């Protein structure tokens, strides 16, 4: 498990005390290096994960990373980060 994966699992368990499994799917085409604002990216990931954990009491949370063609140019590549949870829409509407 990578450093970031360990940080994510630790954060979710310490922040909410839940033992919801967290799985990671990283496409083989995802580069080890990206050019981005690291602080902004981490904040976006934290926001998505926090919401997923808040609304998921059972099931799982999946973090999926893949590489996509850019919107403006097919030559440019973008990192797509998906946080998928099994929380119910009803739980979200109750907040």
C-alpha atoms as a PDB file:
ATOM      1  CA  UNK A   1       0.000   0.000   0.000  1.00  0.00           C
ATOM      2  CA  UNK A   2       1.398   3.408  -0.948  1.00  0.00           C
ATOM      3  CA  UNK A   3       1.967   6.266   1.473  1.00  0.00           C
ATOM      4  CA  UNK A   4      -1.101   8.124   0.177  1.00  0.00           C
ATOM      5  CA  UNK A   5      -3.283   5.027   0.480  1.00  0.00           C
ATOM      6  CA  UNK A   6      -2.186   4.561   4.093  1.00  0.00           C
ATOM      7  CA  UNK A   7      -2.899   8.239   4.821  1.00  0.00           C
ATOM      8  CA  UNK A   8      -6.386   7.986   3.340  1.00  0.00           C
ATOM      9  CA  UNK A   9      -7.323   4.856   5.286  1.00  0.00           C
ATOM     10  CA  UNK A  10      -5.899   6.313   8.520  1.00  0.00           C
ATOM     11  CA  UNK A  11      -7.742   9.585   8.020  1.00  0.00           C
ATOM     12  CA  UNK A  12     -11.094   7.929   7.402  1.00  0.00           C
ATOM     13  CA  UNK A  13     -10.826   5.586  10.363  1.00  0.00           C
ATOM     14  CA  UNK A  14      -9.562   8.199  12.801  1.00  0.00           C
ATOM     15  CA  UNK A  15     -12.035  10.870  11.729  1.00  0.00           C
ATOM     16  CA  UNK A  16     -15.199   8.812  11.810  1.00  0.00           C
ATOM     17  CA  UNK A  17     -14.309   5.657  13.703  1.00  0.00           C
ATOM     18  CA  UNK A  18     -15.826   3.547  10.959  1.00  0.00           C
ATOM     19  CA  UNK A  19     -14.361   0.335   9.694  1.00  0.00           C
ATOM     20  CA  UNK A  20     -15.697   0.660   6.156  1.00  0.00           C
ATOM     21  CA  UNK A  21     -13.311  -1.038   3.725  1.00  0.00           C
ATOM     22  CA  UNK A  22     -11.443   1.277   1.371  1.00  0.00           C
ATOM     23  CA  UNK A  23     -10.187  -0.153  -1.916  1.00  0.00           C
ATOM     24  CA  UNK A  24      -7.958   1.440  -4.528  1.00  0.00           C
ATOM     25  CA  UNK A  25      -7.945   0.926  -8.290  1.00  0.00           C
ATOM     26  CA  UNK A  26      -5.086   2.629 -10.073  1.00  0.00           C
ATOM     27  CA  UNK A  27      -5.002   2.315 -13.850  1.00  0.00           C
ATOM     28  CA  UNK A  28      -1.623   1.202 -15.178  1.00  0.00           C
ATOM     29  CA  UNK A  29      -1.538   4.303 -17.416  1.00  0.00           C
ATOM     30  CA  UNK A  30      -1.499   6.693 -14.435  1.00  0.00           C
ATOM     31  CA  UNK A  31       1.890   8.347 -14.215  1.00  0.00           C
ATOM     32  CA  UNK A  32       3.933   8.444 -11.020  1.00  0.00           C
ATOM     33  CA  UNK A  33       4.298  12.196 -11.520  1.00  0.00           C
ATOM     34  CA  UNK A  34       1.768  14.889 -12.296  1.00  0.00           C
ATOM     35  CA  UNK A  35       1.943  18.664 -12.510  1.00  0.00           C
ATOM     36  CA  UNK A  36      -0.618  20.160 -10.154  1.00  0.00           C
ATOM     37  CA  UNK A  37      -1.175  22.242  -7.065  1.00  0.00           C
ATOM     38  CA  UNK A  38      -0.543  19.525  -4.501  1.00  0.00           C
ATOM     39  CA  UNK A  39      -2.392  21.273  -1.664  1.00  0.00           C
ATOM     40  CA  UNK A  40      -5.481  21.896  -3.799  1.00  0.00           C
ATOM     41  CA  UNK A  41      -5.515  18.299  -5.088  1.00  0.00           C
ATOM     42  CA  UNK A  42      -5.184  16.856  -1.579  1.00  0.00           C
ATOM     43  CA  UNK A  43      -8.024  19.128  -0.347  1.00  0.00           C
ATOM     44  CA  UNK A  44     -10.329  17.950  -3.170  1.00  0.00           C
ATOM     45  CA  UNK A  45      -9.559  14.305  -2.432  1.00  0.00           C
ATOM     46  CA  UNK A  46     -10.144  14.874   1.290  1.00  0.00           C
ATOM     47  CA  UNK A  47     -13.508  16.517   0.616  1.00  0.00           C
ATOM     48  CA  UNK A  48     -14.669  13.607  -1.540  1.00  0.00           C
ATOM     49  CA  UNK A  49     -13.433  10.998   0.929  1.00  0.00           C
ATOM     50  CA  UNK A  50     -14.903  12.781   3.932  1.00  0.00           C
ATOM     51  CA  UNK A  51     -18.323  12.865   2.291  1.00  0.00           C
ATOM     52  CA  UNK A  52     -18.058   9.233   1.253  1.00  0.00           C
ATOM     53  CA  UNK A  53     -17.161   8.164   4.776  1.00  0.00           C
ATOM     54  CA  UNK A  54     -19.826  10.338   6.374  1.00  0.00           C
ATOM     55  CA  UNK A  55     -22.606   8.702   4.356  1.00  0.00           C
ATOM     56  CA  UNK A  56     -21.332   5.111   4.225  1.00  0.00           C
ATOM     57  CA  UNK A  57     -22.145   2.950   7.245  1.00  0.00           C
ATOM     58  CA  UNK A  58     -21.994  -0.359   5.404  1.00  0.00           C
ATOM     59  CA  UNK A  59     -20.441  -1.509   2.178  1.00  0.00           C
ATOM     60  CA  UNK A  60     -17.274   0.063   0.860  1.00  0.00           C
ATOM     61  CA  UNK A  61     -15.514   3.130  -0.457  1.00  0.00           C
ATOM     62  CA  UNK A  62     -13.537   2.818  -3.676  1.00  0.00           C
ATOM     63  CA  UNK A  63     -10.908   5.259  -4.908  1.00  0.00           C
ATOM     64  CA  UNK A  64     -10.304   4.949  -8.644  1.00  0.00           C
ATOM     65  CA  UNK A  65      -7.515   6.766 -10.494  1.00  0.00           C
ATOM     66  CA  UNK A  66      -7.310   6.786 -14.277  1.00  0.00           C
ATOM     67  CA  UNK A  67      -5.808   8.863 -17.051  1.00  0.00           C
ATOM     68  CA  UNK A  68      -8.099  10.582 -19.540  1.00  0.00           C
ATOM     69  CA  UNK A  69      -7.567  12.647 -22.674  1.00  0.00           C
ATOM     70  CA  UNK A  70      -7.702  16.371 -22.106  1.00  0.00           C
ATOM     71  CA  UNK A  71     -10.775  18.400 -22.978  1.00  0.00           C
ATOM     72  CA  UNK A  72      -8.953  20.982 -25.104  1.00  0.00           C
ATOM     73  CA  UNK A  73      -6.441  18.677 -26.711  1.00  0.00           C
ATOM     74  CA  UNK A  74      -6.321  14.905 -27.168  1.00  0.00           C
ATOM     75  CA  UNK A  75      -2.544  15.079 -26.641  1.00  0.00           C
ATOM     76  CA  UNK A  76      -2.932  16.449 -23.117  1.00  0.00           C
ATOM     77  CA  UNK A  77      -3.724  13.996 -20.357  1.00  0.00           C
ATOM     78  CA  UNK A  78      -5.792  14.497 -17.233  1.00  0.00           C
ATOM     79  CA  UNK A  79      -5.945  12.570 -13.989  1.00  0.00           C
ATOM     80  CA  UNK A  80      -9.458  11.379 -13.183  1.00  0.00           C
ATOM     81  CA  UNK A  81     -10.098  10.659  -9.500  1.00  0.00           C
ATOM     82  CA  UNK A  82     -13.331   8.949  -8.576  1.00  0.00           C
ATOM     83  CA  UNK A  83     -14.514   8.268  -5.037  1.00  0.00           C
ATOM     84  CA  UNK A  84     -17.346   5.752  -5.141  1.00  0.00           C
ATOM     85  CA  UNK A  85     -19.281   4.790  -2.030  1.00  0.00           C
ATOM     86  CA  UNK A  86     -22.254   2.646  -1.120  1.00  0.00           C
ATOM     87  CA  UNK A  87     -23.950   5.317   0.989  1.00  0.00           C
ATOM     88  CA  UNK A  88     -27.616   5.806   0.181  1.00  0.00           C
ATOM     89  CA  UNK A  89     -29.081   8.945  -1.392  1.00  0.00           C
ATOM     90  CA  UNK A  90     -31.558   9.090   1.506  1.00  0.00           C
ATOM     91  CA  UNK A  91     -28.700   9.515   3.990  1.00  0.00           C
ATOM     92  CA  UNK A  92     -27.408  12.463   1.965  1.00  0.00           C
ATOM     93  CA  UNK A  93     -30.839  14.106   1.768  1.00  0.00           C
ATOM     94  CA  UNK A  94     -31.306  13.892   5.547  1.00  0.00           C
ATOM     95  CA  UNK A  95     -28.405  16.299   6.156  1.00  0.00           C
END
